[in-house]
N, C-alpha and C. Protein backbone atom coordinates (compact mmCIF):
# COMPACT_ATOMS: atom_id res chain seq x y z
N MET A 1 58.63 97.08 95.50
CA MET A 1 59.26 97.59 94.30
C MET A 1 59.85 96.44 93.50
N ASN A 2 59.75 96.59 92.20
CA ASN A 2 60.36 95.54 91.38
C ASN A 2 61.80 95.90 91.05
N ARG A 3 62.48 94.97 90.45
CA ARG A 3 63.93 95.10 90.23
C ARG A 3 64.29 96.30 89.35
N SER A 4 63.53 96.58 88.31
CA SER A 4 63.87 97.67 87.39
C SER A 4 63.81 99.04 88.09
N LYS A 5 62.88 99.20 89.02
CA LYS A 5 62.79 100.48 89.75
C LYS A 5 63.99 100.64 90.69
N ILE A 6 64.42 99.56 91.31
CA ILE A 6 65.57 99.62 92.21
C ILE A 6 66.84 99.97 91.42
N VAL A 7 67.00 99.33 90.27
CA VAL A 7 68.16 99.62 89.43
C VAL A 7 68.13 101.07 88.96
N ALA A 8 66.97 101.58 88.61
CA ALA A 8 66.85 102.96 88.16
C ALA A 8 67.20 103.93 89.30
N ILE A 9 66.77 103.65 90.51
CA ILE A 9 67.06 104.52 91.65
C ILE A 9 68.56 104.50 91.96
N ILE A 10 69.16 103.32 91.95
CA ILE A 10 70.60 103.22 92.22
C ILE A 10 71.40 103.94 91.14
N THR A 11 71.03 103.74 89.88
CA THR A 11 71.72 104.41 88.78
C THR A 11 71.59 105.92 88.89
N GLY A 12 70.42 106.41 89.23
CA GLY A 12 70.21 107.85 89.41
C GLY A 12 71.04 108.40 90.55
N ALA A 13 71.12 107.66 91.65
CA ALA A 13 71.91 108.11 92.80
C ALA A 13 73.40 108.17 92.43
N ILE A 14 73.90 107.17 91.71
CA ILE A 14 75.30 107.18 91.27
C ILE A 14 75.55 108.37 90.35
N SER A 15 74.62 108.65 89.46
CA SER A 15 74.76 109.78 88.53
C SER A 15 74.81 111.10 89.28
N ILE A 16 73.97 111.27 90.28
CA ILE A 16 73.96 112.51 91.06
C ILE A 16 75.26 112.64 91.86
N LEU A 17 75.75 111.54 92.44
CA LEU A 17 77.01 111.59 93.18
C LEU A 17 78.18 111.95 92.28
N LEU A 18 78.22 111.39 91.07
CA LEU A 18 79.28 111.73 90.13
C LEU A 18 79.21 113.20 89.72
N ALA A 19 78.01 113.72 89.53
CA ALA A 19 77.85 115.12 89.15
C ALA A 19 78.33 116.04 90.27
N ILE A 20 77.99 115.71 91.50
CA ILE A 20 78.43 116.53 92.65
C ILE A 20 79.95 116.46 92.80
N ALA A 21 80.52 115.27 92.64
CA ALA A 21 81.98 115.14 92.73
C ALA A 21 82.67 115.94 91.64
N TYR A 22 82.11 115.95 90.44
CA TYR A 22 82.68 116.73 89.35
C TYR A 22 82.61 118.23 89.66
N LEU A 23 81.50 118.70 90.17
CA LEU A 23 81.38 120.12 90.51
C LEU A 23 82.37 120.51 91.61
N ILE A 24 82.57 119.65 92.58
CA ILE A 24 83.53 119.93 93.65
C ILE A 24 84.94 119.98 93.07
N LEU A 25 85.28 119.05 92.19
CA LEU A 25 86.60 119.03 91.57
C LEU A 25 86.84 120.31 90.76
N VAL A 26 85.85 120.73 89.99
CA VAL A 26 86.00 121.95 89.19
C VAL A 26 86.17 123.16 90.09
N GLN A 27 85.43 123.23 91.18
CA GLN A 27 85.57 124.35 92.11
C GLN A 27 86.95 124.38 92.74
N LEU A 28 87.48 123.22 93.11
CA LEU A 28 88.81 123.16 93.70
C LEU A 28 89.88 123.60 92.70
N LEU A 29 89.77 123.15 91.46
CA LEU A 29 90.74 123.54 90.45
C LEU A 29 90.63 125.03 90.13
N ASP A 30 89.42 125.56 90.13
CA ASP A 30 89.22 126.98 89.85
C ASP A 30 89.70 127.84 91.01
N PHE A 31 89.66 127.32 92.21
CA PHE A 31 90.04 128.06 93.41
C PHE A 31 91.54 128.34 93.44
N ARG A 32 92.34 127.52 92.72
CA ARG A 32 93.79 127.69 92.73
C ARG A 32 94.23 129.00 92.11
N GLY A 33 93.41 129.62 91.32
CA GLY A 33 93.76 130.91 90.73
C GLY A 33 94.09 130.79 89.26
N GLU A 34 94.47 131.92 88.71
CA GLU A 34 94.76 131.98 87.29
C GLU A 34 96.10 131.33 86.98
N MET A 35 96.13 130.56 85.91
CA MET A 35 97.38 129.92 85.50
C MET A 35 98.26 130.95 84.79
N GLN A 36 99.54 130.90 85.06
CA GLN A 36 100.48 131.81 84.43
C GLN A 36 101.36 131.04 83.47
N PRO A 37 101.54 131.56 82.25
CA PRO A 37 102.38 130.86 81.29
C PRO A 37 103.85 130.91 81.68
N ALA A 38 104.62 129.99 81.17
CA ALA A 38 106.06 129.97 81.43
C ALA A 38 106.72 131.18 80.77
N PRO A 39 107.79 131.68 81.35
CA PRO A 39 108.50 132.79 80.72
C PRO A 39 109.04 132.40 79.34
N VAL A 40 108.90 133.28 78.38
CA VAL A 40 109.32 133.00 77.01
C VAL A 40 110.83 132.84 76.93
N SER A 41 111.58 133.59 77.73
CA SER A 41 113.04 133.50 77.66
C SER A 41 113.52 132.11 78.03
N GLN A 42 112.92 131.47 79.00
CA GLN A 42 113.35 130.13 79.38
C GLN A 42 112.91 129.10 78.35
N LEU A 43 111.78 129.30 77.72
CA LEU A 43 111.34 128.36 76.70
C LEU A 43 112.28 128.36 75.50
N SER A 44 112.76 129.53 75.08
CA SER A 44 113.64 129.59 73.92
C SER A 44 115.00 128.95 74.22
N VAL A 45 115.50 129.09 75.44
CA VAL A 45 116.78 128.49 75.81
C VAL A 45 116.68 126.97 75.77
N VAL A 46 115.60 126.42 76.27
CA VAL A 46 115.43 124.97 76.30
C VAL A 46 115.31 124.43 74.88
N SER A 47 114.58 125.12 74.00
CA SER A 47 114.41 124.62 72.64
C SER A 47 115.71 124.67 71.86
N TYR A 48 116.55 125.69 72.06
CA TYR A 48 117.83 125.75 71.37
C TYR A 48 118.76 124.64 71.84
N GLN A 49 118.78 124.36 73.12
CA GLN A 49 119.65 123.31 73.65
C GLN A 49 119.22 121.95 73.12
N GLY A 50 117.92 121.72 73.05
CA GLY A 50 117.43 120.44 72.56
C GLY A 50 117.77 120.23 71.10
N ALA A 51 117.66 121.27 70.27
CA ALA A 51 117.96 121.13 68.84
C ALA A 51 119.45 120.89 68.64
N GLY A 52 120.31 121.54 69.42
CA GLY A 52 121.76 121.37 69.27
C GLY A 52 122.20 119.97 69.62
N SER A 53 121.61 119.40 70.65
CA SER A 53 122.05 118.07 71.06
C SER A 53 121.63 117.01 70.05
N ARG A 54 120.53 117.19 69.35
CA ARG A 54 120.12 116.24 68.34
C ARG A 54 121.01 116.32 67.12
N GLU A 55 121.40 117.54 66.74
CA GLU A 55 122.26 117.69 65.57
C GLU A 55 123.63 117.06 65.82
N GLN A 56 124.16 117.21 67.02
CA GLN A 56 125.47 116.65 67.33
C GLN A 56 125.42 115.13 67.32
N GLY A 57 124.33 114.56 67.75
CA GLY A 57 124.23 113.11 67.78
C GLY A 57 124.15 112.52 66.38
N ALA A 58 123.60 113.30 65.42
CA ALA A 58 123.44 112.79 64.07
C ALA A 58 124.75 112.83 63.29
N VAL A 59 125.70 113.69 63.71
CA VAL A 59 126.95 113.85 62.95
C VAL A 59 127.92 112.76 63.23
């Protein structure tokens, strides 16, 4: 075999390994279950506290 064929085979093998690793990663992330959003009540409390502290610092 000449050099170009060896490089092509190695490149193809790396590509296949990366594709398999990506599929495994996606399956693992999907296996964790459905993501749940943060409660809205806690988000509003954090945003109000953050806005108040900035206004006090500016005064």
